[in-house]
Amino acid sequence: MANFRKGHLKREFHGQEVFRTAIEVGYKEGWTFYFLGGKEGIAEKARDSVLKDFPGLKVVKCQEGFFTNKSEEDVIAEINKLQPNILFVATGHPKQEKWIYHHQKELKVDLAFGQRRNF
């Protein structure tokens, strides 16, 4: 959520609103998405839910956010191999923001942002 004064940003933006807008624009533009977060199966449920409204949306990968089957380095390597336009990270606040900040120079994505835990 953001709320700046003095002529910069005058309204609040909530995660679900940004998520939905990114999906809508990306769908029209043909962008690719990577869903990272939650327990096993949660990212897939988010993808399936979004695909109901946006059939054919290009989700290149869904990955659970606790890295039980892969190391963090392997996940980053996979993200970089797939080079999605948008990376959604849903591992809880502030963990997801810290993770993005810590790895922003390594990640080969156009945009990465944190999302509500269950997308």
Protein backbone atom coordinates (compact mmCIF):
# COMPACT_ATOMS: atom_id res chain seq x y z
CA MET A 1 0.00 0.00 0.00
CA ALA A 2 1.31 3.45 -0.86
CA ASN A 3 0.00 6.89 -0.08
CA PHE A 4 2.26 9.83 -0.94
CA ARG A 5 1.36 13.48 -0.58
CA LYS A 6 2.43 16.78 -2.17
CA GLY A 7 1.54 15.90 -5.75
CA HIS A 8 3.30 12.57 -6.17
CA LEU A 9 1.03 9.63 -5.51
CA LYS A 10 -2.42 10.46 -4.23
CA ARG A 11 -4.13 7.12 -3.83
CA GLU A 12 -3.44 3.83 -2.16
CA PHE A 13 -2.50 0.75 -4.16
CA HIS A 14 -3.24 -2.64 -2.66
CA GLY A 15 -1.51 -5.85 -3.65
CA GLN A 16 -4.56 -7.51 -5.18
CA GLU A 17 -5.29 -4.44 -7.30
CA VAL A 18 -1.72 -4.29 -8.61
CA PHE A 19 -1.72 -8.06 -9.19
CA ARG A 20 -4.98 -7.89 -11.15
CA THR A 21 -3.85 -4.88 -13.20
CA ALA A 22 -0.52 -6.53 -14.04
CA ILE A 23 -2.35 -9.66 -15.15
CA GLU A 24 -4.81 -7.68 -17.30
CA VAL A 25 -2.10 -5.63 -19.01
CA GLY A 26 0.22 -8.59 -19.37
CA TYR A 27 -2.52 -10.69 -20.91
CA LYS A 28 -3.15 -8.06 -23.57
CA GLU A 29 0.57 -7.52 -24.20
CA GLY A 30 1.58 -11.19 -24.23
CA TRP A 31 3.85 -10.94 -21.19
CA THR A 32 5.06 -13.98 -19.30
CA PHE A 33 4.61 -14.58 -15.57
CA TYR A 34 6.32 -16.62 -12.88
CA PHE A 35 4.41 -17.34 -9.64
CA LEU A 36 6.68 -17.97 -6.66
CA GLY A 37 5.32 -18.54 -3.20
CA GLY A 38 3.16 -20.30 -0.72
CA LYS A 39 3.14 -23.93 0.23
CA GLU A 40 3.27 -26.61 -2.43
CA GLY A 41 0.30 -26.29 -4.77
CA ILE A 42 -0.67 -22.72 -3.82
CA ALA A 43 1.02 -21.04 -6.81
CA GLU A 44 -0.68 -23.55 -9.10
CA LYS A 45 -4.06 -22.74 -7.56
CA ALA A 46 -3.40 -19.05 -8.16
CA ARG A 47 -2.49 -19.77 -11.77
CA ASP A 48 -5.59 -21.88 -12.30
CA SER A 49 -7.78 -19.16 -10.80
CA VAL A 50 -6.27 -16.48 -13.03
CA LEU A 51 -6.55 -18.69 -16.13
CA LYS A 52 -10.34 -18.85 -15.64
CA ASP A 53 -10.53 -15.13 -16.40
CA PHE A 54 -7.54 -14.97 -18.74
CA PRO A 55 -7.34 -18.22 -20.72
CA GLY A 56 -4.02 -18.54 -22.46
CA LEU A 57 -2.18 -16.29 -19.99
CA LYS A 58 1.50 -17.18 -20.27
CA VAL A 59 2.53 -18.48 -16.85
CA VAL A 60 5.97 -19.99 -17.40
CA LYS A 61 6.29 -21.56 -13.95
CA CYS A 62 4.68 -21.99 -10.55
CA GLN A 63 7.09 -22.67 -7.71
CA GLU A 64 6.38 -23.15 -4.01
CA GLY A 65 8.07 -20.52 -1.90
CA PHE A 66 9.75 -22.61 0.76
CA PHE A 67 12.24 -24.26 -1.61
CA THR A 68 11.73 -27.72 -0.16
CA ASN A 69 12.61 -29.45 -3.43
CA LYS A 70 15.19 -26.97 -4.76
CA SER A 71 17.82 -24.64 -3.39
CA GLU A 72 17.34 -20.90 -3.57
CA GLU A 73 20.14 -20.72 -6.12
CA ASP A 74 18.37 -23.32 -8.29
CA VAL A 75 15.13 -21.32 -8.16
CA ILE A 76 16.93 -18.11 -9.18
CA ALA A 77 18.70 -19.97 -12.00
CA GLU A 78 15.36 -21.32 -13.21
CA ILE A 79 13.76 -17.86 -13.09
CA ASN A 80 16.67 -16.46 -15.08
CA LYS A 81 16.50 -19.26 -17.63
CA LEU A 82 12.79 -18.59 -18.20
CA GLN A 83 13.16 -14.78 -18.01
CA PRO A 84 9.53 -13.95 -17.21
CA ASN A 85 8.39 -10.39 -17.68
CA ILE A 86 6.80 -10.36 -14.23
CA LEU A 87 7.79 -12.30 -11.13
CA PHE A 88 5.17 -12.46 -8.38
CA VAL A 89 6.67 -13.41 -5.01
CA ALA A 90 4.16 -14.44 -2.32
CA THR A 91 6.06 -15.56 0.75
CA GLY A 92 4.61 -13.12 3.26
CA HIS A 93 5.42 -9.57 4.21
CA PRO A 94 8.20 -8.46 4.74
CA LYS A 95 10.03 -11.65 3.72
CA GLN A 96 9.05 -11.36 0.06
CA GLU A 97 10.14 -7.72 -0.22
CA LYS A 98 13.46 -8.51 1.43
CA TRP A 99 13.98 -11.48 -0.88
CA ILE A 100 13.31 -9.37 -3.97
CA TYR A 101 15.58 -6.60 -2.71
CA HIS A 102 18.38 -9.02 -1.88
CA HIS A 103 18.23 -10.74 -5.30
CA GLN A 104 17.18 -7.85 -7.56
CA LYS A 105 20.56 -7.62 -9.28
CA GLU A 106 20.61 -11.37 -9.97
CA LEU A 107 17.08 -11.68 -11.31
CA LYS A 108 16.55 -11.40 -15.06
CA VAL A 109 12.97 -10.16 -14.95
CA ASP A 110 11.34 -6.91 -16.03
CA LEU A 111 9.41 -6.53 -12.78
CA ALA A 112 9.30 -8.37 -9.48
CA PHE A 113 6.97 -7.56 -6.65
CA GLY A 114 5.54 -9.03 -3.52
CA GLN A 115 2.02 -10.32 -3.44
CA ARG A 116 -0.37 -11.37 -0.74
CA ARG A 117 0.64 -14.77 0.61
CA ASN A 118 -2.02 -16.76 -1.25
CA PHE A 119 -1.91 -14.68 -4.42
